[in-house]
C-alpha atoms as a PDB file:
ATOM      1  CA  UNK A   1      94.513 104.378  97.903  1.00  0.00           C
ATOM      2  CA  UNK A   2      96.693 101.557  96.601  1.00  0.00           C
ATOM      3  CA  UNK A   3      97.873  98.719  98.810  1.00  0.00           C
ATOM      4  CA  UNK A   4     101.430  98.331 100.026  1.00  0.00           C
ATOM      5  CA  UNK A   5     103.676  95.772 101.708  1.00  0.00           C
ATOM      6  CA  UNK A   6     103.926  96.698 105.411  1.00  0.00           C
ATOM      7  CA  UNK A   7     107.102  94.655 105.867  1.00  0.00           C
ATOM      8  CA  UNK A   8     108.880  96.463 103.043  1.00  0.00           C
ATOM      9  CA  UNK A   9     107.707  99.816 104.367  1.00  0.00           C
ATOM     10  CA  UNK A  10     109.048  98.973 107.836  1.00  0.00           C
ATOM     11  CA  UNK A  11     112.427  97.971 106.425  1.00  0.00           C
ATOM     12  CA  UNK A  12     112.603 101.112 104.260  1.00  0.00           C
ATOM     13  CA  UNK A  13     111.861 103.262 107.315  1.00  0.00           C
ATOM     14  CA  UNK A  14     114.262 101.294 109.545  1.00  0.00           C
ATOM     15  CA  UNK A  15     111.575 100.646 112.157  1.00  0.00           C
ATOM     16  CA  UNK A  16     113.733  98.065 113.929  1.00  0.00           C
ATOM     17  CA  UNK A  17     116.344 100.757 114.582  1.00  0.00           C
ATOM     18  CA  UNK A  18     113.954 103.307 116.090  1.00  0.00           C
ATOM     19  CA  UNK A  19     114.502 103.934 119.797  1.00  0.00           C
ATOM     20  CA  UNK A  20     111.573 103.008 122.014  1.00  0.00           C
ATOM     21  CA  UNK A  21     111.033 106.629 123.110  1.00  0.00           C
ATOM     22  CA  UNK A  22     110.917 107.758 119.477  1.00  0.00           C
ATOM     23  CA  UNK A  23     108.534 104.976 118.521  1.00  0.00           C
ATOM     24  CA  UNK A  24     106.187 105.799 121.390  1.00  0.00           C
ATOM     25  CA  UNK A  25     106.301 109.509 120.490  1.00  0.00           C
ATOM     26  CA  UNK A  26     105.368 108.658 116.897  1.00  0.00           C
ATOM     27  CA  UNK A  27     102.658 106.266 118.041  1.00  0.00           C
ATOM     28  CA  UNK A  28     101.020 108.925 120.193  1.00  0.00           C
ATOM     29  CA  UNK A  29     101.011 111.424 117.308  1.00  0.00           C
ATOM     30  CA  UNK A  30      99.647 108.824 114.902  1.00  0.00           C
ATOM     31  CA  UNK A  31      96.905 107.806 117.356  1.00  0.00           C
ATOM     32  CA  UNK A  32      95.848 111.440 117.823  1.00  0.00           C
ATOM     33  CA  UNK A  33      95.723 111.956 114.052  1.00  0.00           C
ATOM     34  CA  UNK A  34      93.737 108.714 113.643  1.00  0.00           C
ATOM     35  CA  UNK A  35      91.133 109.820 116.193  1.00  0.00           C
ATOM     36  CA  UNK A  36      90.747 113.180 114.434  1.00  0.00           C
ATOM     37  CA  UNK A  37      90.429 111.514 111.012  1.00  0.00           C
ATOM     38  CA  UNK A  38      87.972 108.854 112.140  1.00  0.00           C
ATOM     39  CA  UNK A  39      85.857 111.420 113.973  1.00  0.00           C
ATOM     40  CA  UNK A  40      85.631 113.557 110.826  1.00  0.00           C
ATOM     41  CA  UNK A  41      84.886 110.514 108.642  1.00  0.00           C
ATOM     42  CA  UNK A  42      82.114 109.326 110.974  1.00  0.00           C
ATOM     43  CA  UNK A  43      80.558 112.783 111.043  1.00  0.00           C
ATOM     44  CA  UNK A  44      80.679 113.016 107.231  1.00  0.00           C
ATOM     45  CA  UNK A  45      79.367 109.439 106.735  1.00  0.00           C
ATOM     46  CA  UNK A  46      82.372 108.577 104.548  1.00  0.00           C
ATOM     47  CA  UNK A  47      82.276 105.372 102.523  1.00  0.00           C
ATOM     48  CA  UNK A  48      85.434 103.922 100.965  1.00  0.00           C
ATOM     49  CA  UNK A  49      86.135 101.058  98.605  1.00  0.00           C
ATOM     50  CA  UNK A  50      88.934  98.816  99.872  1.00  0.00           C
ATOM     51  CA  UNK A  51      90.681  96.669  97.254  1.00  0.00           C
ATOM     52  CA  UNK A  52      90.288  93.484  99.347  1.00  0.00           C
ATOM     53  CA  UNK A  53      87.446  94.249 101.787  1.00  0.00           C
ATOM     54  CA  UNK A  54      85.097  96.012  99.370  1.00  0.00           C
ATOM     55  CA  UNK A  55      82.773  98.853 100.339  1.00  0.00           C
ATOM     56  CA  UNK A  56      83.428 100.089 103.878  1.00  0.00           C
ATOM     57  CA  UNK A  57      81.681 102.713 105.942  1.00  0.00           C
ATOM     58  CA  UNK A  58      83.762 104.812 108.329  1.00  0.00           C
ATOM     59  CA  UNK A  59      82.469 102.574 111.145  1.00  0.00           C
ATOM     60  CA  UNK A  60      83.828  99.502 109.352  1.00  0.00           C
ATOM     61  CA  UNK A  61      87.217 101.121 108.804  1.00  0.00           C
ATOM     62  CA  UNK A  62      87.456 102.133 112.467  1.00  0.00           C
ATOM     63  CA  UNK A  63      86.531  98.620 113.590  1.00  0.00           C
ATOM     64  CA  UNK A  64      89.028  96.998 111.206  1.00  0.00           C
ATOM     65  CA  UNK A  65      91.800  99.399 112.237  1.00  0.00           C
ATOM     66  CA  UNK A  66      91.191  98.652 115.916  1.00  0.00           C
ATOM     67  CA  UNK A  67      91.194  94.907 115.239  1.00  0.00           C
ATOM     68  CA  UNK A  68      94.387  95.125 113.163  1.00  0.00           C
ATOM     69  CA  UNK A  69      96.135  97.250 115.814  1.00  0.00           C
ATOM     70  CA  UNK A  70      95.273  94.740 118.537  1.00  0.00           C
ATOM     71  CA  UNK A  71      96.444  91.878 116.318  1.00  0.00           C
ATOM     72  CA  UNK A  72      99.765  93.592 115.539  1.00  0.00           C
ATOM     73  CA  UNK A  73     100.313  94.438 119.199  1.00  0.00           C
ATOM     74  CA  UNK A  74      99.835  90.787 120.102  1.00  0.00           C
ATOM     75  CA  UNK A  75     102.145  89.444 117.400  1.00  0.00           C
ATOM     76  CA  UNK A  76     104.862  92.088 117.466  1.00  0.00           C
ATOM     77  CA  UNK A  77     108.367  90.690 117.542  1.00  0.00           C
ATOM     78  CA  UNK A  78     109.511  93.525 119.804  1.00  0.00           C
ATOM     79  CA  UNK A  79     109.119  93.688 123.546  1.00  0.00           C
ATOM     80  CA  UNK A  80     107.014  96.693 124.449  1.00  0.00           C
ATOM     81  CA  UNK A  81     106.169  97.499 128.036  1.00  0.00           C
ATOM     82  CA  UNK A  82     102.488  97.207 128.934  1.00  0.00           C
ATOM     83  CA  UNK A  83     100.925 100.631 129.181  1.00  0.00           C
ATOM     84  CA  UNK A  84      97.345 100.970 130.390  1.00  0.00           C
ATOM     85  CA  UNK A  85      96.161 103.927 128.298  1.00  0.00           C
ATOM     86  CA  UNK A  86      92.964 104.188 130.383  1.00  0.00           C
ATOM     87  CA  UNK A  87      94.861 104.611 133.643  1.00  0.00           C
ATOM     88  CA  UNK A  88      95.734 108.126 134.843  1.00  0.00           C
ATOM     89  CA  UNK A  89      99.436 109.014 134.711  1.00  0.00           C
ATOM     90  CA  UNK A  90     101.408 108.242 137.858  1.00  0.00           C
END
């Protein structure tokens, strides 16, 4: 899979204009799809070659994705309400 510029992709998709409810809806769907994909990749012992990071096992990809997500959440320019995903719904 080729690399891409995340900033350009965000501008092309007008991410800054997406309503919070729509963004959270999309995030939930993307997270569900990610869990399904990672689970299947772990079970199949998938190994990928990343253009910058080299050979990566599914475990490496999952770890890097989690790290990147946490980093982006901490440096996001938007104000997102804190949501404790581990807490039961009120």
